Amino acid sequence: MISLFTSVRACAAAAALPLISLGAAGALAQQAPPKLPVTVAAPLAKRITQWDEYSGRFEAVASVEVRARVSGFIDQVNFKDGEIVKAGDLLFTLDKRPFEIAVESAKADVAKADAQVEQTGADVERAEPLIKNKTITTQTYDLRRANLAVAQATKQSAEAALKNAELNLEWTEIRAPFAGRVSDKKVNVGSLISGGTGAQPTLLTTIVSIDPIHFVFDVSESDYLRYSRMKASGDRPSSRDTANPVRIRLADETDFTHEGKMNFVDNQLSVRAGTLRGRAVLENKQGLLTPGVFGRLQLFGGETDALLIPDSAVVSDQARKIVFAVDDTDTVVAKPVTLGPIVDGLRVVSGGLEKTTRVIIDGIANPAVRPGAKVVPAAGEIKDAKS
């Protein structure tokens, strides 16, 4: 009886084991997270035109502080503050009366000198036949000739003084030396100003040229060396070549719509900053670009092979930029990347990815798609804006 009871219990236990195993497996299956659907694609390999970006600011091609060359009282102000002026436009007029009087006085001195030259010249002419028949002495003849020379020198001095007086009269009209935008007036009608080259002349206003305009920026030493090596290999034009193109955008713009060209590279690097100053020139017929405004410049950097991905596939991880990819086991992994500019609607990846990397391009918005998660990848394709 005991053995029969024991045998029945053993058989019941053995029959229960599969049921227990099946229950544990079902519990584990319920605990395993579902695989997430994502779309993956290899980076788009493409040869692109590289544009290196730099920050800089606009500078006027020409800038001048307008000051008077003569002293006097301001009689007229002939412009409106901030307006566009052309070369030769009248800006200020001084009281001309003292200078007109000086011109008349100088003309009188010239006339007086003319009379003296005429008189002494006649004396010399009358003395010539007299010296031949020895009616007058040689000393008297030499004295008359000396008087003529003094009179002629006096006339030259009077004529020079007249030219100076006329020039001072001309300088009472202060004109724009070149076309550009004038600042506000620093003096008013009736103000006594100082001019000339002695004491500091009074500042009247300033003018900056508008069209064309310069854009000045600094290039790092490493970039300069890269450009030099590319130039030596023939991969890019010389940075000193005026045909080297640039593109510029302003702070409120998203596209580089302002086109220009390089026209200057400095002859040495800054020892303190380790940078080299470059300058581009571009047209500004509408006057939108103003000296002092900051912008971003793209400098032609040659042709290069690059990998491109959608900008939406890039996420930030504190100070790094990363891309989520899928490995051979369909597990999400994080790939730190080095990014370049946007080209044809796609982000250039200059480091961190390979041509065969399966980048997640759709499904990344799901919070569960994170490193270590299992996914179900579907094949996709990356296309640029030109495709």
Protein backbone atom coordinates (compact mmCIF):
# COMPACT_ATOMS: atom_id res chain seq x y z
CA MET A 1 0.00 0.00 0.00
CA ILE A 2 2.77 2.42 0.90
CA SER A 3 4.66 1.79 -2.34
CA LEU A 4 1.52 2.25 -4.38
CA PHE A 5 0.81 5.60 -2.72
CA THR A 6 4.38 6.70 -3.27
CA SER A 7 4.24 5.78 -6.92
CA VAL A 8 1.04 7.75 -7.45
CA ARG A 9 2.58 10.84 -5.84
CA ALA A 10 5.66 10.56 -8.05
CA CYS A 11 3.58 10.35 -11.18
CA ALA A 12 1.57 13.41 -10.18
CA ALA A 13 4.68 15.42 -9.53
CA ALA A 14 6.16 14.40 -12.85
CA ALA A 15 3.00 15.47 -14.65
CA ALA A 16 3.05 18.85 -12.93
CA LEU A 17 6.60 19.72 -14.05
CA PRO A 18 5.70 20.56 -17.67
CA LEU A 19 2.87 22.73 -16.46
CA ILE A 20 5.20 24.68 -14.17
CA SER A 21 7.76 25.10 -16.96
CA LEU A 22 5.12 26.32 -19.37
CA GLY A 23 3.91 28.86 -16.81
CA ALA A 24 7.40 30.30 -16.23
CA ALA A 25 8.03 30.61 -19.95
CA GLY A 26 4.76 32.45 -20.42
CA ALA A 27 5.63 34.87 -17.64
CA LEU A 28 9.03 35.58 -19.19
CA ALA A 29 7.40 36.12 -22.57
CA GLN A 30 5.02 38.63 -21.06
CA GLN A 31 7.92 40.53 -19.37
CA ALA A 32 10.09 40.86 -22.56
CA PRO A 33 9.57 44.34 -24.18
CA PRO A 34 8.30 44.35 -27.74
CA LYS A 35 10.73 45.19 -30.53
CA LEU A 36 10.28 48.73 -31.85
CA PRO A 37 9.84 49.45 -35.56
CA VAL A 38 12.34 51.93 -37.04
CA THR A 39 13.53 52.93 -40.48
CA VAL A 40 17.25 52.72 -41.16
CA ALA A 41 19.44 53.72 -44.09
CA ALA A 42 23.11 54.01 -44.90
CA PRO A 43 24.51 57.56 -45.14
CA LEU A 44 24.35 59.12 -48.59
CA ALA A 45 27.87 59.11 -50.04
CA LYS A 46 28.31 62.07 -52.33
CA ARG A 47 31.00 64.39 -53.67
CA ILE A 48 30.15 67.89 -52.52
CA THR A 49 31.50 71.40 -52.71
CA GLN A 50 32.89 72.21 -49.29
CA TRP A 51 32.14 75.63 -47.82
CA ASP A 52 33.96 76.56 -44.62
CA GLU A 53 32.10 78.92 -42.30
CA TYR A 54 33.53 81.90 -40.40
CA SER A 55 32.08 84.77 -38.41
CA GLY A 56 32.99 88.31 -39.32
CA ARG A 57 31.66 91.80 -39.83
CA PHE A 58 31.18 94.29 -42.60
CA GLU A 59 33.54 97.24 -43.04
CA ALA A 60 33.35 100.22 -45.34
CA VAL A 61 35.72 100.26 -48.27
CA ALA A 62 36.36 103.94 -47.52
CA SER A 63 35.67 105.93 -44.35
CA VAL A 64 36.58 109.52 -43.57
CA GLU A 65 36.14 112.14 -40.87
CA VAL A 66 35.07 115.36 -42.54
CA ARG A 67 36.99 118.36 -41.22
CA ALA A 68 37.50 121.88 -42.58
CA ARG A 69 40.79 123.06 -44.03
CA VAL A 70 40.17 126.67 -42.98
CA SER A 71 38.73 128.22 -39.85
CA GLY A 72 35.53 130.24 -39.85
CA PHE A 73 31.84 130.37 -39.01
CA ILE A 74 29.41 127.76 -40.38
CA ASP A 75 27.07 129.59 -42.74
CA GLN A 76 25.06 126.65 -44.17
CA VAL A 77 24.54 122.93 -43.59
CA ASN A 78 23.60 121.43 -46.94
CA PHE A 79 22.61 117.83 -46.12
CA LYS A 80 20.21 115.81 -43.99
CA ASP A 81 21.58 113.58 -41.28
CA GLY A 82 22.11 110.01 -42.47
CA GLU A 83 21.37 110.57 -46.15
CA ILE A 84 23.25 109.15 -49.14
CA VAL A 85 25.58 111.66 -50.79
CA LYS A 86 27.52 111.58 -54.03
CA ALA A 87 31.14 112.51 -54.54
CA GLY A 88 31.45 116.29 -54.69
CA ASP A 89 28.13 117.05 -52.98
CA LEU A 90 28.22 120.23 -50.90
CA LEU A 91 28.02 119.45 -47.18
CA PHE A 92 28.94 122.67 -45.33
CA THR A 93 29.50 126.28 -46.34
CA LEU A 94 31.56 128.70 -44.26
CA ASP A 95 31.10 132.47 -44.18
CA LYS A 96 32.94 133.45 -47.36
CA ARG A 97 33.22 137.21 -46.83
CA PRO A 98 36.61 137.28 -45.03
CA PHE A 99 38.07 134.98 -47.70
CA GLU A 100 36.60 137.02 -50.55
CA ILE A 101 38.23 140.13 -49.05
CA ALA A 102 41.53 138.24 -48.83
CA VAL A 103 41.24 137.36 -52.53
CA GLU A 104 40.59 140.99 -53.49
CA SER A 105 43.55 142.11 -51.39
CA ALA A 106 45.78 139.53 -53.04
CA LYS A 107 44.62 140.66 -56.48
CA ALA A 108 45.56 144.23 -55.56
CA ASP A 109 49.01 143.06 -54.51
CA VAL A 110 49.43 141.35 -57.86
CA ALA A 111 48.39 144.50 -59.69
CA LYS A 112 50.86 146.54 -57.63
CA ALA A 113 53.61 144.06 -58.40
CA ASP A 114 52.73 144.22 -62.11
CA ALA A 115 53.16 148.00 -62.04
CA GLN A 116 56.54 147.70 -60.32
CA VAL A 117 57.70 145.14 -62.88
CA GLU A 118 56.55 147.41 -65.71
CA GLN A 119 58.28 150.46 -64.25
CA THR A 120 61.57 148.75 -63.45
CA GLY A 121 61.52 147.01 -66.81
CA ALA A 122 61.20 150.38 -68.55
CA ASP A 123 64.12 151.71 -66.49
CA VAL A 124 66.28 148.83 -67.68
CA GLU A 125 65.28 149.41 -71.32
CA ARG A 126 66.16 153.12 -71.09
CA ALA A 127 69.48 152.31 -69.46
CA GLU A 128 70.68 149.89 -72.13
CA PRO A 129 71.58 152.53 -74.80
CA LEU A 130 72.94 154.83 -72.10
CA ILE A 131 75.38 152.24 -70.79
CA LYS A 132 76.73 151.76 -74.32
CA ASN A 133 77.70 155.43 -74.74
CA LYS A 134 78.71 155.53 -71.07
CA THR A 135 76.14 158.17 -70.14
CA ILE A 136 75.43 156.16 -66.96
CA THR A 137 77.76 154.01 -64.96
CA THR A 138 77.73 150.24 -64.90
CA GLN A 139 76.75 150.39 -61.25
CA THR A 140 73.59 152.34 -62.07
CA TYR A 141 72.68 149.90 -64.82
CA ASP A 142 73.21 146.89 -62.51
CA LEU A 143 71.05 148.55 -59.86
CA ARG A 144 68.14 149.01 -62.32
CA ARG A 145 68.42 145.37 -63.37
CA ALA A 146 68.38 144.29 -59.70
CA ASN A 147 65.29 146.39 -59.09
CA LEU A 148 63.61 144.63 -62.03
CA ALA A 149 64.50 141.19 -60.59
CA VAL A 150 63.13 142.20 -57.17
CA ALA A 151 59.92 143.46 -58.80
CA GLN A 152 59.50 140.20 -60.72
CA ALA A 153 60.05 138.14 -57.54
CA THR A 154 57.54 140.32 -55.72
CA LYS A 155 55.03 139.67 -58.48
CA GLN A 156 55.56 135.90 -58.20
CA SER A 157 55.04 136.10 -54.46
CA ALA A 158 51.85 138.14 -54.92
CA GLU A 159 50.55 135.64 -57.48
CA ALA A 160 51.24 132.75 -55.07
CA ALA A 161 49.43 134.63 -52.30
CA LEU A 162 46.48 135.13 -54.66
CA LYS A 163 46.34 131.41 -55.43
CA ASN A 164 46.44 130.64 -51.70
CA ALA A 165 43.63 133.11 -51.03
CA GLU A 166 41.55 131.63 -53.84
CA LEU A 167 42.20 128.14 -52.50
CA ASN A 168 41.10 129.17 -49.00
CA LEU A 169 37.96 130.65 -50.54
CA GLU A 170 37.33 127.36 -52.35
CA TRP A 171 37.78 125.47 -49.08
CA THR A 172 34.91 127.40 -47.51
CA GLU A 173 32.74 124.92 -49.41
CA ILE A 174 33.24 121.51 -47.76
CA ARG A 175 32.28 118.72 -50.15
CA ALA A 176 31.96 114.93 -49.93
CA PRO A 177 35.22 113.28 -51.03
CA PHE A 178 33.40 110.14 -52.22
CA ALA A 179 29.91 108.67 -52.44
CA GLY A 180 28.46 107.10 -49.33
CA ARG A 181 26.26 107.58 -46.30
CA VAL A 182 26.85 110.69 -44.21
CA SER A 183 26.46 110.66 -40.43
CA ASP A 184 24.77 113.39 -38.42
CA LYS A 185 26.21 116.92 -38.31
CA LYS A 186 28.48 117.64 -35.35
CA VAL A 187 28.15 121.44 -35.65
CA ASN A 188 25.31 123.86 -36.36
CA VAL A 189 24.93 127.04 -38.36
CA GLY A 190 26.82 129.86 -36.64
CA SER A 191 29.40 127.58 -34.99
CA LEU A 192 33.00 128.75 -35.09
CA ILE A 193 35.18 125.87 -36.26
CA SER A 194 38.91 125.35 -36.43
CA GLY A 195 40.52 124.20 -39.65
CA GLY A 196 43.90 123.70 -41.20
CA THR A 197 46.72 121.40 -40.19
CA GLY A 198 47.88 123.11 -37.00
CA ALA A 199 45.55 122.60 -34.06
CA GLN A 200 43.07 119.73 -34.17
CA PRO A 201 40.49 120.69 -36.79
CA THR A 202 36.85 120.53 -35.75
CA LEU A 203 35.04 117.30 -36.65
CA LEU A 204 32.04 118.18 -38.82
CA THR A 205 30.66 114.72 -39.72
CA THR A 206 31.77 111.34 -41.04
CA ILE A 207 31.14 109.50 -44.31
CA VAL A 208 31.35 105.78 -45.06
CA SER A 209 31.13 104.25 -48.50
CA ILE A 210 28.26 101.82 -49.11
CA ASP A 211 28.78 100.11 -52.45
CA PRO A 212 30.87 97.99 -52.65
CA ILE A 213 31.45 96.84 -49.07
CA HIS A 214 34.06 94.66 -47.35
CA PHE A 215 33.53 91.65 -45.09
CA VAL A 216 36.45 90.97 -42.72
CA PHE A 217 36.97 87.66 -40.92
CA ASP A 218 39.72 85.60 -39.26
CA VAL A 219 40.94 82.17 -40.35
CA SER A 220 42.58 79.79 -37.86
CA GLU A 221 46.15 78.68 -38.35
CA SER A 222 45.07 75.07 -39.01
CA ASP A 223 42.62 76.21 -41.70
CA TYR A 224 45.27 78.40 -43.26
CA LEU A 225 47.67 75.46 -43.45
CA ARG A 226 44.94 73.28 -44.93
CA TYR A 227 44.20 75.89 -47.60
CA SER A 228 47.90 76.22 -48.38
CA ARG A 229 48.29 72.47 -48.84
CA MET A 230 45.16 72.28 -50.97
CA LYS A 231 46.48 75.12 -53.10
CA ALA A 232 49.82 73.36 -53.53
CA SER A 233 48.03 70.17 -54.61
CA GLY A 234 45.82 72.07 -57.04
CA ASP A 235 42.56 71.19 -55.25
CA ARG A 236 41.47 74.78 -54.78
CA PRO A 237 42.26 78.27 -56.10
CA SER A 238 44.62 80.49 -54.17
CA SER A 239 43.07 82.35 -51.25
CA ARG A 240 44.74 85.41 -52.70
CA ASP A 241 42.90 84.89 -55.97
CA THR A 242 40.16 87.48 -56.41
CA ALA A 243 38.04 84.80 -58.11
CA ASN A 244 37.81 82.73 -54.90
CA PRO A 245 34.04 82.94 -54.14
CA VAL A 246 32.34 83.54 -50.79
CA ARG A 247 28.73 83.48 -49.60
CA ILE A 248 27.40 85.47 -46.64
CA ARG A 249 24.24 85.47 -44.56
CA LEU A 250 23.05 87.95 -41.96
CA ALA A 251 21.88 87.20 -38.42
CA ASP A 252 18.20 87.08 -39.43
CA GLU A 253 18.77 84.95 -42.53
CA THR A 254 18.91 81.19 -42.96
CA ASP A 255 20.43 81.06 -46.44
CA PHE A 256 23.74 82.40 -47.71
CA THR A 257 22.30 84.72 -50.32
CA HIS A 258 24.94 87.47 -50.51
CA GLU A 259 27.73 86.51 -52.92
CA GLY A 260 31.16 88.05 -53.22
CA LYS A 261 34.80 87.19 -53.73
CA MET A 262 38.05 87.32 -51.83
CA ASN A 263 40.22 90.37 -52.49
CA PHE A 264 42.77 90.39 -49.64
CA VAL A 265 44.62 88.07 -47.25
CA ASP A 266 46.95 89.55 -44.64
CA ASN A 267 50.69 88.95 -44.86
CA GLN A 268 51.15 87.42 -41.40
CA LEU A 269 49.28 85.61 -38.65
CA SER A 270 48.39 87.32 -35.42
CA VAL A 271 50.88 86.11 -32.81
CA ARG A 272 48.41 86.56 -29.96
CA ALA A 273 45.32 85.01 -31.57
CA GLY A 274 46.98 82.65 -34.03
CA THR A 275 44.65 83.73 -36.83
CA LEU A 276 45.03 85.25 -40.27
CA ARG A 277 42.83 88.13 -41.39
CA GLY A 278 40.98 87.74 -44.66
CA ARG A 279 38.70 90.12 -46.54
CA ALA A 280 36.00 89.70 -49.15
CA VAL A 281 34.28 92.33 -51.27
CA LEU A 282 30.68 92.25 -52.46
CA GLU A 283 28.15 94.53 -54.08
CA ASN A 284 25.72 96.49 -51.93
CA LYS A 285 23.61 98.41 -54.41
CA GLN A 286 20.50 98.30 -52.18
CA GLY A 287 22.44 99.60 -49.17
CA LEU A 288 21.21 96.75 -46.94
CA LEU A 289 24.67 95.88 -45.68
CA THR A 290 25.99 98.40 -43.18
CA PRO A 291 29.53 98.70 -41.75
CA GLY A 292 29.73 97.04 -38.34
CA VAL A 293 27.01 94.44 -38.97
CA PHE A 294 28.04 90.87 -38.14
CA GLY A 295 27.41 87.88 -40.38
CA ARG A 296 28.46 84.35 -41.28
CA LEU A 297 30.69 83.73 -44.28
CA GLN A 298 31.13 80.55 -46.30
CA LEU A 299 34.50 80.29 -48.03
CA PHE A 300 34.97 77.89 -50.92
CA GLY A 301 36.96 74.92 -49.59
CA GLY A 302 37.22 72.69 -52.66
CA GLU A 303 35.55 69.42 -53.65
CA THR A 304 35.41 66.52 -51.17
CA ASP A 305 33.72 63.14 -50.65
CA ALA A 306 31.26 63.28 -47.78
CA LEU A 307 28.59 61.29 -45.94
CA LEU A 308 25.21 62.98 -45.55
CA ILE A 309 22.25 62.21 -43.29
CA PRO A 310 19.01 64.04 -42.43
CA ASP A 311 19.54 66.70 -39.81
CA SER A 312 16.58 65.24 -37.90
CA ALA A 313 18.64 62.06 -37.28
CA VAL A 314 21.09 64.01 -35.11
CA VAL A 315 20.44 64.30 -31.37
CA SER A 316 22.32 66.11 -28.62
CA ASP A 317 23.93 64.30 -25.71
CA GLN A 318 25.14 67.03 -23.37
CA ALA A 319 28.12 68.52 -25.22
CA ARG A 320 28.17 65.89 -27.97
CA LYS A 321 26.21 65.31 -31.12
CA ILE A 322 25.22 61.66 -31.64
CA VAL A 323 23.40 59.52 -34.17
CA PHE A 324 21.42 56.39 -33.30
CA ALA A 325 22.36 53.38 -35.42
CA VAL A 326 21.44 49.69 -35.47
CA ASP A 327 24.12 47.01 -35.13
CA ASP A 328 24.16 43.43 -36.47
CA THR A 329 21.94 42.22 -33.59
CA ASP A 330 19.30 44.88 -34.28
CA THR A 331 20.26 46.74 -31.14
CA VAL A 332 20.34 50.53 -30.97
CA VAL A 333 23.81 52.01 -30.46
CA ALA A 334 24.90 55.64 -30.09
CA LYS A 335 27.48 57.01 -32.53
CA PRO A 336 29.20 60.28 -31.56
CA VAL A 337 29.67 62.28 -34.76
CA THR A 338 31.45 65.35 -36.03
CA LEU A 339 29.12 67.49 -38.10
CA GLY A 340 29.65 69.79 -41.04
CA PRO A 341 27.35 72.21 -42.84
CA ILE A 342 23.99 71.58 -44.49
CA VAL A 343 24.39 70.63 -48.17
CA ASP A 344 21.40 70.06 -50.43
CA GLY A 345 19.11 69.73 -47.42
CA LEU A 346 21.25 67.12 -45.64
CA ARG A 347 23.77 67.38 -42.81
CA VAL A 348 27.39 66.58 -43.63
CA VAL A 349 28.99 64.11 -41.19
CA SER A 350 32.76 64.54 -41.26
CA GLY A 351 33.52 61.89 -38.63
CA GLY A 352 31.94 59.06 -36.64
CA LEU A 353 30.08 57.14 -39.36
CA GLU A 354 30.95 54.66 -42.08
CA LYS A 355 29.33 54.11 -45.44
CA THR A 356 27.70 50.88 -44.17
CA THR A 357 26.39 52.25 -40.87
CA ARG A 358 22.64 51.69 -40.54
CA VAL A 359 21.43 55.09 -39.29
CA ILE A 360 17.96 55.41 -37.78
CA ILE A 361 16.21 58.03 -39.91
CA ASP A 362 12.62 57.43 -38.75
CA GLY A 363 11.28 56.38 -35.36
CA ILE A 364 13.84 58.27 -33.33
CA ALA A 365 11.09 60.37 -31.76
CA ASN A 366 9.88 57.31 -29.81
CA PRO A 367 11.31 57.66 -26.26
CA ALA A 368 11.86 53.91 -26.14
CA VAL A 369 14.32 54.04 -29.04
CA ARG A 370 17.45 54.44 -26.99
CA PRO A 371 20.85 52.72 -26.84
CA GLY A 372 20.43 49.06 -25.91
CA ALA A 373 16.85 48.77 -27.17
CA LYS A 374 15.90 45.99 -29.59
CA VAL A 375 14.29 47.22 -32.81
CA VAL A 376 12.79 45.90 -35.98
CA PRO A 377 14.63 47.82 -38.73
CA ALA A 378 12.97 48.54 -42.04
CA ALA A 379 15.16 49.55 -44.98
CA GLY A 380 14.87 53.17 -46.06
CA GLU A 381 16.81 55.55 -48.31
CA ILE A 382 18.40 58.96 -47.80
CA LYS A 383 17.87 61.39 -50.66
CA ASP A 384 19.12 64.95 -51.04
CA ALA A 385 17.05 67.94 -52.13
CA LYS A 386 18.16 67.53 -55.75
CA SER A 387 16.93 63.94 -56.03
